[in-house]
N, C-alpha and C. Protein backbone atom coordinates (compact mmCIF):
# COMPACT_ATOMS: atom_id res chain seq x y z
N VAL A 1 127.84 83.33 88.41
CA VAL A 1 127.38 83.12 87.83
C VAL A 1 126.29 84.71 86.90
N ILE A 2 125.99 85.15 88.52
CA ILE A 2 125.27 86.49 87.94
C ILE A 2 126.32 87.19 87.07
N SER A 3 127.15 87.48 87.57
CA SER A 3 128.32 88.36 87.06
C SER A 3 128.89 87.96 85.63
N TYR A 4 128.47 86.61 85.45
CA TYR A 4 128.99 86.13 84.02
C TYR A 4 127.54 86.66 83.19
N LEU A 5 126.08 86.44 83.93
CA LEU A 5 125.01 87.32 83.06
C LEU A 5 125.38 88.38 82.52
N PHE A 6 125.28 89.27 84.00
CA PHE A 6 125.64 90.51 83.49
C PHE A 6 127.20 91.17 82.81
N THR A 7 127.69 89.84 82.19
CA THR A 7 128.71 90.74 81.31
C THR A 7 128.17 90.43 80.13
N ARG A 8 127.17 89.55 79.90
CA ARG A 8 126.54 89.68 78.45
C ARG A 8 125.86 90.19 78.10
N ALA A 9 124.83 91.17 79.06
CA ALA A 9 123.47 91.73 79.21
C ALA A 9 123.51 92.76 78.78
N ARG A 10 122.79 93.62 77.77
CA ARG A 10 122.83 94.56 77.99
C ARG A 10 122.58 95.67 78.93
N LEU A 11 122.23 97.33 79.01
CA LEU A 11 122.90 98.00 80.14
C LEU A 11 121.66 98.08 81.21
N MET A 12 120.89 98.25 80.38
CA MET A 12 119.51 98.40 80.97
C MET A 12 119.16 97.53 81.53
N GLU A 13 119.12 96.19 81.11
CA GLU A 13 118.51 94.88 81.99
C GLU A 13 120.01 94.53 83.58
N VAL A 14 120.79 94.58 83.08
CA VAL A 14 121.61 94.71 84.19
C VAL A 14 121.56 95.75 85.10
N GLN A 15 120.73 96.97 85.14
CA GLN A 15 120.09 98.28 86.17
C GLN A 15 119.13 97.50 86.57
N GLN A 16 117.75 97.05 85.82
CA GLN A 16 116.37 96.10 86.10
C GLN A 16 117.10 95.09 86.88
N ALA A 17 117.83 93.67 86.50
CA ALA A 17 118.21 93.23 87.33
C ALA A 17 119.37 93.61 88.80
N MET A 18 119.62 94.21 88.82
CA MET A 18 120.53 95.09 90.29
C MET A 18 119.70 95.54 90.76
N ALA A 19 118.58 96.32 90.80
CA ALA A 19 117.49 96.93 91.36
C ALA A 19 116.77 95.59 91.87
N TRP A 20 116.09 94.70 91.07
CA TRP A 20 115.36 93.55 91.86
C TRP A 20 116.40 92.52 92.49
N LEU A 21 117.83 92.38 92.57
CA LEU A 21 118.41 92.07 93.59
C LEU A 21 118.67 92.64 94.90
N VAL A 22 118.24 94.13 95.44
CA VAL A 22 118.00 94.25 95.90
C VAL A 22 116.84 94.63 96.57
N GLY A 23 115.77 94.71 96.01
CA GLY A 23 114.56 94.37 96.52
C GLY A 23 114.08 96.12 95.83
N SER A 24 113.30 96.10 95.42
CA SER A 24 112.65 97.63 94.86
C SER A 24 111.26 97.21 93.81
N LEU A 25 110.42 98.40 94.40
CA LEU A 25 109.03 98.64 93.78
C LEU A 25 109.09 99.61 92.78
N ASN A 26 110.66 100.34 92.27
CA ASN A 26 110.42 101.12 90.96
C ASN A 26 109.42 100.20 90.07
N ALA A 27 110.00 99.41 89.12
CA ALA A 27 109.46 98.69 88.66
C ALA A 27 108.06 97.76 88.89
N ALA A 28 107.49 98.00 89.84
CA ALA A 28 106.22 96.93 90.45
C ALA A 28 105.13 97.41 89.15
N GLN A 29 104.37 96.90 88.73
CA GLN A 29 102.79 97.36 88.14
C GLN A 29 101.91 96.61 88.36
N PHE A 30 101.08 96.81 88.08
CA PHE A 30 99.06 96.56 88.30
C PHE A 30 99.31 95.12 88.40
N SER A 31 99.53 94.69 87.31
CA SER A 31 99.39 93.07 86.80
C SER A 31 100.00 92.38 87.92
N ASP A 32 101.65 92.76 88.41
CA ASP A 32 101.97 92.44 89.58
C ASP A 32 101.06 92.57 90.87
N SER A 33 100.29 93.55 91.12
CA SER A 33 99.27 93.41 92.16
C SER A 33 98.04 92.41 91.55
N ILE A 34 97.56 91.84 90.52
CA ILE A 34 96.34 91.22 90.07
C ILE A 34 96.60 89.84 90.26
N VAL A 35 98.50 89.25 90.34
CA VAL A 35 98.74 88.36 90.61
C VAL A 35 98.70 87.79 92.16
N LEU A 36 99.00 88.95 92.63
CA LEU A 36 99.53 88.78 94.15
C LEU A 36 98.19 88.87 94.87
N GLY A 37 97.43 89.76 94.47
CA GLY A 37 95.74 89.62 95.28
C GLY A 37 95.41 88.24 94.54
N ALA A 38 95.54 87.46 93.67
CA ALA A 38 94.79 86.44 93.15
C ALA A 38 95.48 84.76 93.94
N VAL A 39 97.07 84.87 94.40
CA VAL A 39 97.43 84.06 95.28
C VAL A 39 96.98 84.57 96.85
N LEU A 40 96.88 86.00 96.96
CA LEU A 40 96.10 86.44 98.60
C LEU A 40 94.67 85.45 98.50
N ILE A 41 94.09 85.91 97.41
CA ILE A 41 92.58 85.17 97.97
C ILE A 41 92.64 83.38 98.28
N VAL A 42 93.79 82.80 97.15
CA VAL A 42 93.46 81.56 97.57
C VAL A 42 93.96 81.25 98.63
N ILE A 43 94.89 82.00 99.40
CA ILE A 43 96.38 81.35 100.52
C ILE A 43 95.65 81.97 101.75
N LEU A 44 94.94 82.78 101.81
CA LEU A 44 94.21 83.68 102.86
C LEU A 44 93.35 82.32 103.90
N PRO A 45 92.29 82.03 103.02
CA PRO A 45 91.54 80.84 103.80
C PRO A 45 91.92 79.98 104.17
N THR A 46 93.44 79.20 103.42
CA THR A 46 94.33 78.13 104.53
C THR A 46 94.75 78.64 105.35
N LEU A 47 95.07 79.78 105.55
CA LEU A 47 96.54 80.24 106.54
C LEU A 47 95.11 80.75 107.59
N TYR A 48 93.92 80.80 107.09
CA TYR A 48 93.13 81.02 108.32
C TYR A 48 92.46 79.77 109.06
N VAL A 49 92.54 78.84 108.34
CA VAL A 49 92.51 77.72 109.26
C VAL A 49 93.64 76.40 109.63
N LEU A 50 94.98 77.10 109.60
CA LEU A 50 95.92 76.46 109.83
C LEU A 50 96.41 77.28 111.26
N VAL A 51 95.95 78.50 111.22
CA VAL A 51 96.28 78.95 112.54
C VAL A 51 95.96 79.05 113.54
N ARG A 52 94.91 78.39 113.64
CA ARG A 52 94.47 77.99 114.83
C ARG A 52 94.96 76.95 115.80
N GLY A 53 95.53 76.18 114.73
CA GLY A 53 96.65 75.60 115.70
C GLY A 53 98.10 76.00 116.14
N LEU A 54 98.27 77.43 115.70
CA LEU A 54 99.47 77.67 116.04
C LEU A 54 99.50 78.60 118.08
N ASP A 55 98.28 78.17 118.23
CA ASP A 55 98.03 78.44 119.86
C ASP A 55 98.46 76.86 120.61
N GLY A 56 98.42 75.91 120.00
CA GLY A 56 98.76 74.59 120.01
C GLY A 56 99.77 74.46 120.66
N LEU A 57 100.87 75.04 119.11
CA LEU A 57 101.95 74.77 118.75
C LEU A 57 102.71 75.88 119.98
N GLU A 58 102.40 76.26 120.42
CA GLU A 58 103.58 77.32 120.97
C GLU A 58 103.72 76.70 122.62
N LEU A 59 102.86 75.65 123.08
CA LEU A 59 102.90 75.58 124.26
C LEU A 59 103.66 73.68 124.17
N GLY A 60 104.13 73.12 122.73
CA GLY A 60 104.97 72.16 122.44
C GLY A 60 104.30 71.13 121.85
N ASP A 61 104.85 70.29 121.24
CA ASP A 61 104.39 69.21 120.19
C ASP A 61 102.97 68.32 121.16
N ASP A 62 103.33 67.64 122.27
CA ASP A 62 102.14 66.89 123.15
C ASP A 62 100.81 67.34 123.38
N THR A 63 101.30 68.64 123.89
CA THR A 63 99.99 69.53 124.78
C THR A 63 99.54 69.65 123.10
N ALA A 64 99.92 70.57 122.20
CA ALA A 64 99.57 70.71 121.22
C ALA A 64 98.22 69.21 120.26
N HIS A 65 98.82 68.53 120.56
CA HIS A 65 98.12 67.01 120.19
C HIS A 65 96.90 66.75 120.73
N ALA A 66 97.30 67.28 122.38
CA ALA A 66 96.35 66.47 123.62
C ALA A 66 95.13 67.49 123.48
N LEU A 67 95.04 68.65 122.65
CA LEU A 67 94.37 70.02 122.72
C LEU A 67 93.86 69.30 121.02
N GLY A 68 93.84 68.64 120.34
CA GLY A 68 93.74 68.57 119.32
C GLY A 68 94.25 68.92 117.66
N THR A 69 94.94 69.11 117.90
CA THR A 69 95.70 70.06 116.75
C THR A 69 96.40 68.53 116.32
N LEU A 70 96.21 68.82 114.41
CA LEU A 70 97.34 67.75 114.21
C LEU A 70 98.69 68.52 114.19
N VAL A 71 99.87 68.03 114.58
CA VAL A 71 100.63 68.82 114.58
C VAL A 71 101.71 68.76 113.19
N GLU A 72 101.46 67.57 113.00
CA GLU A 72 102.79 67.94 111.57
C GLU A 72 101.80 68.45 110.49
N PRO A 73 100.86 67.71 110.41
CA PRO A 73 99.94 68.35 108.60
C PRO A 73 99.90 69.66 109.08
N THR A 74 99.43 70.81 110.72
CA THR A 74 99.52 71.95 110.71
C THR A 74 100.71 72.87 110.49
N ARG A 75 101.45 72.10 110.72
CA ARG A 75 103.33 72.85 110.72
C ARG A 75 103.72 72.61 109.42
N LEU A 76 103.42 71.01 108.39
CA LEU A 76 103.63 71.94 107.37
C LEU A 76 103.07 72.67 106.39
N GLY A 77 101.89 72.96 106.76
CA GLY A 77 101.08 73.74 106.03
C GLY A 77 101.28 75.09 106.21
N LEU A 78 101.77 75.44 107.43
CA LEU A 78 102.24 77.26 107.81
C LEU A 78 103.60 77.19 106.85
N MET A 79 104.19 76.00 106.90
CA MET A 79 105.82 76.05 106.25
C MET A 79 105.42 76.95 104.75
N LEU A 80 104.23 75.75 104.59
CA LEU A 80 104.18 76.19 102.84
C LEU A 80 103.47 77.07 102.36
N VAL A 81 102.74 77.58 103.16
CA VAL A 81 102.02 79.20 102.73
C VAL A 81 102.94 80.09 103.10
N GLY A 82 103.85 79.97 104.22
CA GLY A 82 104.96 81.12 104.36
C GLY A 82 105.38 80.67 103.20
N VAL A 83 105.89 79.86 102.71
CA VAL A 83 107.35 79.76 101.46
C VAL A 83 106.46 80.34 100.64
N ALA A 84 105.19 80.10 100.54
CA ALA A 84 104.33 80.52 99.19
C ALA A 84 104.23 82.24 99.24
N LEU A 85 103.67 82.31 99.82
CA LEU A 85 103.49 84.39 100.54
C LEU A 85 105.28 84.33 100.06
N ALA A 86 105.98 84.17 100.68
CA ALA A 86 107.37 84.92 100.65
C ALA A 86 107.98 84.93 98.91
N ALA A 87 107.53 83.32 98.07
CA ALA A 87 108.10 83.63 97.47
C ALA A 87 107.09 84.30 95.86
N PHE A 88 106.06 84.33 96.29
CA PHE A 88 105.07 85.62 95.35
C PHE A 88 106.09 86.88 95.44
N ALA A 89 105.89 87.26 96.50
CA ALA A 89 106.06 88.30 97.37
C ALA A 89 107.82 88.57 96.96
N THR A 90 108.75 87.76 96.70
CA THR A 90 109.94 87.96 96.30
C THR A 90 109.85 88.07 94.74
N ALA A 91 109.33 87.19 94.30
CA ALA A 91 109.27 87.66 92.66
C ALA A 91 108.89 88.95 91.83
N ALA A 92 107.52 89.56 92.86
CA ALA A 92 106.77 90.61 92.56
C ALA A 92 107.94 91.95 92.34
N VAL A 93 108.65 91.85 93.37
CA VAL A 93 109.53 92.89 93.75
C VAL A 93 111.47 92.74 94.29
N GLY A 94 111.43 91.72 94.07
CA GLY A 94 113.01 91.45 94.55
C GLY A 94 113.11 90.76 95.97
N PRO A 95 114.09 89.97 96.45
CA PRO A 95 114.31 90.06 97.97
C PRO A 95 114.52 91.41 99.29
N VAL A 96 113.57 91.78 99.39
CA VAL A 96 113.50 93.11 100.22
C VAL A 96 113.74 92.67 101.17
N GLY A 97 114.90 92.98 101.93
CA GLY A 97 115.87 92.66 103.30
C GLY A 97 115.01 92.99 104.72
N PHE A 98 114.63 92.39 105.72
CA PHE A 98 114.78 92.95 107.25
C PHE A 98 113.08 93.06 106.94
N VAL A 99 112.28 92.96 106.34
CA VAL A 99 111.16 93.50 106.70
C VAL A 99 109.92 92.28 107.43
N ALA A 100 110.06 91.15 106.95
CA ALA A 100 109.78 90.22 108.08
C ALA A 100 110.36 90.15 109.59
N PHE A 101 111.48 90.61 109.49
CA PHE A 101 112.67 91.07 110.78
C PHE A 101 112.03 92.04 111.63
N VAL A 102 111.58 92.66 110.87
CA VAL A 102 111.44 93.65 111.85
C VAL A 102 109.70 93.90 112.43
N SER A 103 109.15 93.42 111.37
CA SER A 103 107.50 93.75 111.36
C SER A 103 106.90 92.59 112.93
N GLY A 104 107.55 91.46 112.99
CA GLY A 104 106.92 90.43 113.63
C GLY A 104 106.96 91.38 115.32
N PRO A 105 108.68 91.50 115.65
CA PRO A 105 108.77 92.19 116.82
C PRO A 105 107.94 93.17 117.06
N ILE A 106 107.97 94.19 115.89
CA ILE A 106 107.30 95.40 116.36
C ILE A 106 105.69 95.53 116.43
N ALA A 107 105.42 94.38 115.90
CA ALA A 107 103.69 94.40 115.92
C ALA A 107 103.59 93.44 117.25
N ARG A 108 104.16 92.88 117.85
CA ARG A 108 104.26 92.35 119.07
C ARG A 108 104.00 93.13 120.08
N ARG A 109 104.80 94.22 120.17
CA ARG A 109 105.30 95.51 120.92
C ARG A 109 103.92 96.30 121.26
N LEU A 110 103.22 96.33 119.34
CA LEU A 110 102.74 97.23 119.54
C LEU A 110 101.19 96.57 120.74
N MET A 111 100.83 95.54 120.65
CA MET A 111 100.07 94.67 120.67
C MET A 111 100.31 94.50 122.63
N GLY A 112 101.20 94.58 122.89
CA GLY A 112 101.84 94.34 124.46
C GLY A 112 101.59 92.76 124.48
N GLY A 113 102.65 92.21 123.04
CA GLY A 113 102.70 90.79 123.93
C GLY A 113 101.69 90.09 123.53
N ALA A 114 100.53 90.15 122.96
CA ALA A 114 99.15 88.91 123.73
C ALA A 114 99.01 88.98 121.78
N GLY A 115 98.51 87.61 121.94
CA GLY A 115 98.13 87.08 121.16
C GLY A 115 99.40 86.35 119.96
N ARG A 116 98.32 86.21 118.46
CA ARG A 116 99.46 85.76 117.84
C ARG A 116 100.14 86.59 117.11
N GLY A 117 99.21 87.54 116.30
CA GLY A 117 99.51 88.95 115.74
C GLY A 117 100.07 88.64 114.72
N ILE A 118 99.63 87.41 113.75
CA ILE A 118 100.08 87.45 111.99
C ILE A 118 99.73 88.38 111.32
N PRO A 119 98.42 88.52 111.49
CA PRO A 119 97.09 89.64 110.92
C PRO A 119 98.47 90.88 110.84
N GLN A 120 98.38 91.60 112.42
CA GLN A 120 99.07 92.66 112.68
C GLN A 120 100.49 93.04 112.21
N ALA A 121 101.40 91.90 112.83
CA ALA A 121 102.52 92.13 111.60
C ALA A 121 102.43 91.92 110.07
N GLY A 122 101.77 91.53 109.75
CA GLY A 122 101.51 91.93 108.08
C GLY A 122 101.10 93.32 107.72
N LEU A 123 100.39 93.56 108.30
CA LEU A 123 100.25 95.31 108.44
C LEU A 123 101.23 95.99 108.94
N VAL A 124 102.30 95.56 109.95
CA VAL A 124 103.11 96.76 110.20
C VAL A 124 104.17 96.48 109.04
N GLY A 125 104.45 94.91 108.79
CA GLY A 125 105.12 94.99 107.20
C GLY A 125 104.82 95.97 106.16
N ALA A 126 103.81 95.55 105.79
CA ALA A 126 103.02 96.85 104.90
C ALA A 126 103.27 98.11 104.91
N LEU A 127 103.24 98.32 106.19
CA LEU A 127 103.80 100.06 106.72
C LEU A 127 105.12 100.10 106.58
N VAL A 128 105.77 99.07 106.99
CA VAL A 128 107.46 99.50 106.87
C VAL A 128 107.56 99.49 105.42
N MET A 129 107.14 98.42 104.51
CA MET A 129 107.45 98.96 103.11
C MET A 129 106.96 100.23 102.25
N LEU A 130 106.13 100.16 103.02
CA LEU A 130 105.30 101.90 102.21
C LEU A 130 105.89 103.01 102.53
N VAL A 131 106.61 103.10 104.02
CA VAL A 131 107.44 104.12 104.77
C VAL A 131 108.70 104.13 103.90
N SER A 132 109.25 102.82 103.78
CA SER A 132 110.43 102.44 103.23
C SER A 132 110.83 102.96 101.87
N ASP A 133 109.53 102.70 100.51
CA ASP A 133 109.37 102.81 99.69
C ASP A 133 109.20 104.34 99.20
N LEU A 134 108.54 105.29 100.31
CA LEU A 134 108.60 106.61 100.08
C LEU A 134 109.74 107.28 100.16
N LEU A 135 110.58 106.88 101.27
CA LEU A 135 111.75 107.35 102.09
C LEU A 135 112.98 107.37 100.66
N ALA A 136 112.76 105.92 99.90
CA ALA A 136 113.71 105.72 98.76
C ALA A 136 113.05 106.60 97.90
N GLN A 137 111.73 106.91 97.26
CA GLN A 137 111.69 108.01 96.39
C GLN A 137 112.22 108.94 96.66
N HIS A 138 111.65 109.83 97.65
CA HIS A 138 111.77 111.11 98.24
C HIS A 138 113.28 111.35 99.02
N ALA A 139 114.33 110.95 99.52
CA ALA A 139 115.32 110.92 100.62
C ALA A 139 116.00 112.08 99.44
N LEU A 140 116.54 111.31 98.61
CA LEU A 140 117.63 111.85 97.46
C LEU A 140 116.80 112.73 96.55
N PRO A 141 117.09 113.93 96.42
CA PRO A 141 116.16 114.53 95.36
C PRO A 141 116.40 114.21 93.71
N THR A 142 117.63 113.59 93.38
CA THR A 142 117.90 113.35 91.94
C THR A 142 117.91 111.61 91.91
N VAL A 143 118.09 111.27 93.15
CA VAL A 143 118.18 109.87 92.70
C VAL A 143 116.54 108.67 93.51
N GLN A 144 116.25 107.60 92.67
CA GLN A 144 115.40 106.86 93.38
C GLN A 144 116.05 105.65 93.74
N LEU A 145 116.38 105.78 95.07
CA LEU A 145 116.95 104.07 95.78
C LEU A 145 116.12 103.11 95.73
N PRO A 146 116.58 101.85 95.39
CA PRO A 146 115.94 100.65 95.73
C PRO A 146 115.09 100.50 97.47
N THR A 147 114.17 100.16 97.33
CA THR A 147 113.01 100.26 98.91
C THR A 147 114.06 99.01 99.62
N GLY A 148 114.90 98.08 99.16
CA GLY A 148 115.39 97.16 100.30
C GLY A 148 116.63 97.90 100.96
N VAL A 149 117.19 99.32 100.08
CA VAL A 149 118.41 99.82 100.81
C VAL A 149 118.04 100.52 101.87
N VAL A 150 117.18 101.02 101.86
CA VAL A 150 116.13 101.53 103.19
C VAL A 150 115.57 101.03 104.26
N THR A 151 115.16 99.58 103.35
CA THR A 151 115.04 98.45 104.68
C THR A 151 115.73 97.91 104.94
N GLY A 152 117.00 97.92 104.58
CA GLY A 152 118.00 96.94 105.30
C GLY A 152 119.17 97.82 105.80
N GLY A 153 118.69 99.14 106.13
CA GLY A 153 119.22 99.92 106.51
C GLY A 153 118.56 100.41 107.96
N PHE A 154 117.32 100.43 107.52
CA PHE A 154 116.52 100.40 109.07
C PHE A 154 116.41 99.08 110.18
N GLY A 155 116.92 97.84 109.21
CA GLY A 155 116.60 96.49 109.90
C GLY A 155 118.02 96.44 110.77
N ALA A 156 119.03 96.78 109.92
CA ALA A 156 120.77 96.84 110.49
C ALA A 156 120.35 97.56 112.00
N ALA A 157 119.80 98.54 111.90
CA ALA A 157 120.15 99.33 113.85
C ALA A 157 118.59 99.24 114.35
N PHE A 158 117.57 98.10 113.53
CA PHE A 158 116.69 97.33 114.34
C PHE A 158 117.50 96.42 115.39
N LEU A 159 118.62 95.63 114.30
CA LEU A 159 119.43 94.56 115.15
C LEU A 159 120.19 94.92 115.80
N LEU A 160 120.96 95.50 115.67
CA LEU A 160 121.36 96.19 116.58
C LEU A 160 120.88 96.59 118.13
N TRP A 161 119.84 97.13 117.74
CA TRP A 161 118.89 97.62 118.74
C TRP A 161 118.36 96.68 119.18
N LEU A 162 117.93 95.35 119.26
CA LEU A 162 117.63 94.39 119.58
C LEU A 162 118.64 93.31 120.45
N LEU A 163 119.69 93.89 119.74
CA LEU A 163 120.89 92.97 120.61
C LEU A 163 121.47 93.68 121.78
N ILE A 164 121.62 94.89 121.80
CA ILE A 164 121.44 96.01 122.73
C ILE A 164 120.55 95.14 124.04
N VAL A 165 119.56 95.62 123.53
CA VAL A 165 117.85 95.39 124.36
C VAL A 165 118.49 93.89 124.93
N SER A 166 118.94 93.14 124.11
CA SER A 166 118.41 91.84 124.84
C SER A 166 119.55 91.18 125.58
N GLY A 167 121.05 91.95 125.53
CA GLY A 167 122.08 91.71 126.11
C GLY A 167 122.09 92.70 127.55
N ARG A 168 121.19 93.62 127.66
CA ARG A 168 120.56 93.69 129.03
C ARG A 168 119.47 92.99 130.13
N SER A 169 118.01 92.12 129.20
CA SER A 169 117.80 91.66 129.88
C SER A 169 118.21 90.28 129.47
N GLY A 170 119.04 89.95 128.26
CA GLY A 170 118.82 88.47 128.58
C GLY A 170 117.73 87.65 127.77
N ARG A 171 116.85 87.98 127.31
CA ARG A 171 116.12 87.61 126.47
C ARG A 171 115.25 88.53 125.32
N VAL A 172 114.89 88.56 124.27
CA VAL A 172 114.18 88.95 123.70
C VAL A 172 112.58 88.78 123.67
N ASN A 173 112.36 90.32 123.59
CA ASN A 173 110.55 90.09 124.06
C ASN A 173 109.89 90.74 122.23
């Protein structure tokens, strides 16, 4: 379907679509930031309430229920919040690969493995995007790469490293 649409579109539209499909901050505008900010204002309080149940959920459903966590509503709410955040971010810049994959383990290592680390993982993800976009804009003097190309390369290297480390120890930290 995408290939057919590309044959019918103008060249500039195809280039913009390809950049979006890889994930790029090149075409991001301030209006996108306003929409994302409004979404965060609505979703972050919900996330704050739901995150309290995560400690119990890590211990298992029965223990979480015994501790007073409403297991199914908490799980559903966290899933919906995650989907909403991912959907709005993807709509703004495209599917930038590996950011969520690398930010959680990096944040956990920086924190020493303690705690939930959701805010820290978000900050690490933002830093990964910032550094990747800077590299994408300035790595080659005449070409601006999509950010997803840089995060994909970094994510692939991180995945290989993670496989090597987990192969030695038998578990993933």
